[in-house]
Protein backbone atom coordinates (compact mmCIF):
# COMPACT_ATOMS: atom_id res chain seq x y z
CA UNK A 1 0.02 0.04 0.00
CA UNK A 2 2.92 2.38 0.96
CA UNK A 3 4.49 1.55 -2.33
CA UNK A 4 1.29 2.20 -4.32
CA UNK A 5 0.63 5.73 -2.56
CA UNK A 6 4.02 6.66 -3.09
CA UNK A 7 3.81 5.67 -6.86
CA UNK A 8 0.75 7.60 -7.23
CA UNK A 9 2.29 10.61 -5.37
CA UNK A 10 5.31 10.61 -7.77
CA UNK A 11 3.13 10.39 -10.96
CA UNK A 12 0.96 13.18 -9.80
CA UNK A 13 4.13 15.25 -9.51
CA UNK A 14 5.33 13.93 -12.85
CA UNK A 15 1.80 14.85 -14.47
CA UNK A 16 1.91 18.25 -12.92
CA UNK A 17 5.30 19.17 -14.18
CA UNK A 18 4.15 18.08 -17.43
CA UNK A 19 1.24 20.34 -17.52
CA UNK A 20 3.62 23.30 -16.25
CA UNK A 21 5.97 22.38 -18.93
CA UNK A 22 3.18 22.21 -21.45
CA UNK A 23 2.00 25.80 -20.45
CA UNK A 24 5.68 27.07 -20.64
CA UNK A 25 5.95 25.79 -23.95
CA UNK A 26 2.94 27.31 -25.15
CA UNK A 27 4.09 30.85 -24.03
CA UNK A 28 7.48 30.18 -25.74
CA UNK A 29 5.76 30.20 -28.76
CA UNK A 30 3.48 33.50 -28.30
CA UNK A 31 4.73 37.01 -28.54
CA UNK A 32 3.70 39.27 -25.74
CA UNK A 33 0.87 40.99 -27.46
CA UNK A 34 -0.53 37.54 -28.19
CA UNK A 35 -0.07 36.61 -24.23
CA UNK A 36 -1.75 39.59 -23.39
CA UNK A 37 -4.66 39.04 -25.74
CA UNK A 38 -4.90 35.56 -24.39
CA UNK A 39 -5.30 37.04 -20.76
CA UNK A 40 -7.70 39.50 -21.95
CA UNK A 41 -9.90 36.58 -23.84
CA UNK A 42 -9.88 34.88 -20.66
CA UNK A 43 -11.11 37.80 -18.39
CA UNK A 44 -13.88 38.31 -21.02
CA UNK A 45 -14.87 34.59 -20.66
CA UNK A 46 -14.51 35.08 -16.79
CA UNK A 47 -11.85 32.59 -16.53
CA UNK A 48 -10.09 34.59 -14.00
CA UNK A 49 -7.60 31.69 -12.81
CA UNK A 50 -6.15 31.28 -16.33
CA UNK A 51 -6.31 35.12 -17.03
CA UNK A 52 -3.84 35.31 -13.76
CA UNK A 53 -1.37 32.66 -15.19
CA UNK A 54 -1.56 34.51 -18.50
CA UNK A 55 -0.83 37.96 -16.92
CA UNK A 56 1.67 36.52 -14.51
CA UNK A 57 3.65 34.77 -17.42
CA UNK A 58 3.75 37.94 -19.43
CA UNK A 59 5.22 39.82 -16.89
CA UNK A 60 7.84 37.24 -15.68
CA UNK A 61 9.02 36.78 -19.60
CA UNK A 62 9.02 40.56 -20.30
CA UNK A 63 9.32 42.37 -16.99
CA UNK A 64 10.60 45.33 -18.73
CA UNK A 65 8.46 45.31 -22.15
CA UNK A 66 5.68 47.51 -23.19
CA UNK A 67 3.13 45.18 -21.69
CA UNK A 68 4.60 45.09 -18.39
CA UNK A 69 2.30 47.53 -16.87
CA UNK A 70 -0.69 46.23 -18.68
CA UNK A 71 -0.08 42.65 -17.39
CA UNK A 72 0.08 43.74 -13.85
CA UNK A 73 -3.18 45.73 -14.16
CA UNK A 74 -4.75 42.72 -15.96
CA UNK A 75 -3.54 40.62 -13.08
CA UNK A 76 -4.96 42.98 -10.48
CA UNK A 77 -8.28 42.77 -11.97
CA UNK A 78 -8.16 39.26 -12.43
CA UNK A 79 -7.16 38.62 -8.81
CA UNK A 80 -10.08 40.81 -7.77
CA UNK A 81 -12.78 39.06 -9.85
CA UNK A 82 -11.37 35.61 -8.79
CA UNK A 83 -11.95 36.92 -5.05
CA UNK A 84 -8.27 36.47 -4.52
CA UNK A 85 -8.02 39.69 -2.44
CA UNK A 86 -4.96 39.02 -0.48
CA UNK A 87 -3.26 38.77 -3.67
CA UNK A 88 -4.96 41.84 -5.46
CA UNK A 89 -3.84 44.12 -2.79
CA UNK A 90 -0.02 43.42 -2.82
CA UNK A 91 -0.22 43.58 -6.54
CA UNK A 92 -1.66 46.96 -6.46
CA UNK A 93 0.93 48.09 -3.99
CA UNK A 94 3.60 46.74 -6.20
CA UNK A 95 2.28 48.46 -9.39
CA UNK A 96 2.03 52.04 -7.34
CA UNK A 97 5.61 51.39 -6.41
CA UNK A 98 7.15 50.72 -10.17
CA UNK A 99 4.38 53.24 -11.69
CA UNK A 100 3.65 56.07 -9.15
CA UNK A 101 3.09 58.65 -12.40
CA UNK A 102 1.32 56.10 -14.39
CA UNK A 103 -2.01 57.18 -16.04
CA UNK A 104 -4.19 54.56 -14.56
CA UNK A 105 -2.84 55.23 -11.00
CA UNK A 106 -6.32 56.22 -9.84
CA UNK A 107 -7.61 52.98 -11.22
CA UNK A 108 -5.22 51.29 -8.90
CA UNK A 109 -6.10 53.14 -5.69
CA UNK A 110 -9.76 52.21 -6.68
CA UNK A 111 -9.00 48.28 -7.09
CA UNK A 112 -7.04 48.63 -3.73
CA UNK A 113 -10.04 50.12 -2.31
CA UNK A 114 -12.46 47.44 -3.65
CA UNK A 115 -10.39 44.53 -2.63
CA UNK A 116 -10.41 45.77 1.15
CA UNK A 117 -13.92 46.83 0.62
CA UNK A 118 -14.93 43.10 -0.47
CA UNK A 119 -13.00 41.72 2.48
CA UNK A 120 -14.78 44.05 5.09
CA UNK A 121 -17.99 42.73 3.28
CA UNK A 122 -17.37 39.20 3.79
CA UNK A 123 -16.60 39.96 7.53
CA UNK A 124 -19.97 42.19 8.08
CA UNK A 125 -21.83 39.55 6.69
CA UNK A 126 -20.33 37.02 9.06
CA UNK A 127 -20.42 38.79 12.12
CA UNK A 128 -22.56 41.94 12.30
CA UNK A 129 -25.46 40.34 12.86
CA UNK A 130 -24.40 39.39 16.35
CA UNK A 131 -24.02 41.79 18.85
CA UNK A 132 -20.50 41.79 20.03
CA UNK A 133 -18.20 44.23 21.59
CA UNK A 134 -15.35 44.29 19.07
CA UNK A 135 -15.47 43.71 15.36
CA UNK A 136 -12.31 43.92 13.40
CA UNK A 137 -12.61 47.05 11.18
CA UNK A 138 -9.31 46.97 9.69
CA UNK A 139 -10.11 45.99 5.99
CA UNK A 140 -12.93 48.83 6.04
CA UNK A 141 -10.50 51.37 7.49
CA UNK A 142 -7.89 50.32 4.90
CA UNK A 143 -10.60 50.54 2.02
CA UNK A 144 -11.71 54.10 3.51
CA UNK A 145 -7.93 55.09 3.09
CA UNK A 146 -7.41 54.02 -0.28
CA UNK A 147 -10.82 55.50 -1.34
CA UNK A 148 -9.73 58.83 0.37
CA UNK A 149 -6.39 58.95 -1.61
CA UNK A 150 -8.36 58.40 -4.70
CA UNK A 151 -11.01 61.06 -4.25
CA UNK A 152 -8.56 63.81 -2.89
CA UNK A 153 -5.78 63.09 -5.68
CA UNK A 154 -7.99 62.57 -8.50
CA UNK A 155 -11.18 64.33 -7.98
CA UNK A 156 -12.09 64.03 -11.42
CA UNK A 157 -11.39 60.42 -11.81
CA UNK A 158 -14.35 58.31 -13.41
CA UNK A 159 -14.05 56.03 -10.11
CA UNK A 160 -14.39 58.79 -7.84
CA UNK A 161 -18.15 59.08 -7.49
CA UNK A 162 -18.58 55.39 -6.70
CA UNK A 163 -15.49 55.45 -4.03
CA UNK A 164 -17.46 58.36 -2.30
CA UNK A 165 -20.44 56.36 -2.27
CA UNK A 166 -18.73 53.45 -0.76
CA UNK A 167 -16.97 55.59 1.68
CA UNK A 168 -20.28 56.72 3.11
CA UNK A 169 -21.43 53.32 3.65
CA UNK A 170 -18.28 52.32 5.30
CA UNK A 171 -18.44 55.37 7.65
CA UNK A 172 -22.00 54.21 8.56
CA UNK A 173 -20.85 50.60 9.26
CA UNK A 174 -17.93 51.84 11.49
CA UNK A 175 -20.26 53.82 13.40
CA UNK A 176 -22.55 50.91 13.99
CA UNK A 177 -19.79 49.03 15.15
CA UNK A 178 -18.88 51.73 17.67
CA UNK A 179 -22.53 51.69 18.76
CA UNK A 180 -22.75 47.88 19.03
CA UNK A 181 -19.68 48.05 21.52
CA UNK A 182 -21.16 50.81 23.49
CA UNK A 183 -24.42 48.85 23.93
CA UNK A 184 -22.82 45.85 24.96
CA UNK A 185 -20.54 47.92 27.50
CA UNK A 186 -23.84 49.20 28.98
CA UNK A 187 -25.37 45.81 29.54
CA UNK A 188 -22.03 44.86 31.21
CA UNK A 189 -22.31 47.86 33.60
CA UNK A 190 -18.95 49.11 32.21
CA UNK A 191 -20.44 52.69 31.63
CA UNK A 192 -17.08 54.83 31.10
CA UNK A 193 -16.40 52.30 28.27
CA UNK A 194 -19.67 52.88 26.80
CA UNK A 195 -19.74 56.24 27.11
CA UNK A 196 -16.05 56.41 25.22
CA UNK A 197 -17.34 54.28 22.21
CA UNK A 198 -20.41 56.32 22.01
CA UNK A 199 -18.36 59.49 22.11
CA UNK A 200 -16.30 57.94 19.10
CA UNK A 201 -19.63 58.11 17.13
CA UNK A 202 -20.04 61.77 17.92
CA UNK A 203 -16.39 62.64 17.25
CA UNK A 204 -15.45 60.60 14.27
CA UNK A 205 -18.92 59.84 12.53
CA UNK A 206 -21.01 62.80 12.92
CA UNK A 207 -23.24 62.39 9.94
CA UNK A 208 -24.01 59.02 10.66
CA UNK A 209 -27.51 57.68 11.52
CA UNK A 210 -26.15 56.45 14.71
CA UNK A 211 -25.82 59.95 16.28
CA UNK A 212 -29.00 60.04 18.34
CA UNK A 213 -28.73 56.68 19.95
CA UNK A 214 -24.85 57.39 20.62
CA UNK A 215 -25.94 60.70 22.51
CA UNK A 216 -28.76 58.78 24.45
CA UNK A 217 -25.99 56.27 25.48
CA UNK A 218 -23.81 58.92 26.68
CA UNK A 219 -26.62 60.63 28.62
CA UNK A 220 -27.29 57.33 30.44
CA UNK A 221 -23.76 56.09 31.05
CA UNK A 222 -23.01 59.47 32.63
CA UNK A 223 -25.89 59.38 34.79
CA UNK A 224 -24.82 55.83 35.89
CA UNK A 225 -21.23 57.38 36.83
CA UNK A 226 -22.85 60.22 38.65
CA UNK A 227 -21.59 62.86 36.34
CA UNK A 228 -24.72 65.19 36.04
CA UNK A 229 -22.85 68.05 34.01
CA UNK A 230 -21.49 65.58 31.30
CA UNK A 231 -25.23 63.82 31.10
CA UNK A 232 -26.86 67.13 30.96
CA UNK A 233 -24.71 68.52 28.22
CA UNK A 234 -25.22 65.40 26.25
CA UNK A 235 -29.19 65.68 26.75
CA UNK A 236 -29.19 69.18 25.64
CA UNK A 237 -27.18 68.28 22.33
CA UNK A 238 -29.69 65.28 21.95
CA UNK A 239 -32.71 67.81 22.28
CA UNK A 240 -31.07 70.49 20.11
CA UNK A 241 -30.14 68.14 17.23
CA UNK A 242 -32.68 65.32 17.30
CA UNK A 243 -35.85 66.90 19.05
CA UNK A 244 -38.32 64.27 17.83
CA UNK A 245 -36.04 61.17 18.62
CA UNK A 246 -37.94 58.77 20.73
CA UNK A 247 -34.72 58.96 23.06
CA UNK A 248 -35.34 62.45 24.10
CA UNK A 249 -38.67 61.32 25.74
CA UNK A 250 -37.27 58.07 27.21
CA UNK A 251 -34.44 60.31 28.90
CA UNK A 252 -36.33 63.22 29.75
């Protein structure tokens, strides 16, 4: 049995090597333009794994040729569409290092933002329905940062409007995350922590839909902490800005 298993393993390596050699030989007989067109064709057919192979082969064979930048951009897109976000992000960073003045730098920042955005979406779908104190917002923050660079450096880019809309969404989700944490700490009786997390909403996400509840949590937390001045100040801000909120009546 051991000999048979070893034979099968060796055979698989040989076949794998043959397949690899066959691919390499195929590229040997193709010009840079033909390899690029092959990758483009695979993208159009949504065969992203094959497109990645083509673009990677093109760049490795012709790293200083006229198609090198196109190969990198093609690979970035194929990584993203193949949902390989951990590969897409460093591919973008490498492109930005090599071509900081490239005409498609705005596209690179957009794709970097999209990759982190998609990573955050997976996380939000898995965890946000659950009322837990701490969620990892690192992907959302990185997405915001990339979109911010895009929108400030390239305000007229065709990608800027979409990036701005995604930034609004991300800000609201991050505000909601702070609110989830504030609620959690209130239930646990950690009133100072609750007030601090609610205060983060007021300070950093002042246009989010979470503002009224964040102020209400601050009022309640400061009352529990026997800090009447802070509680009253927070309540006045709540009444002034959200006079019709249900929280005004509850806390009045």
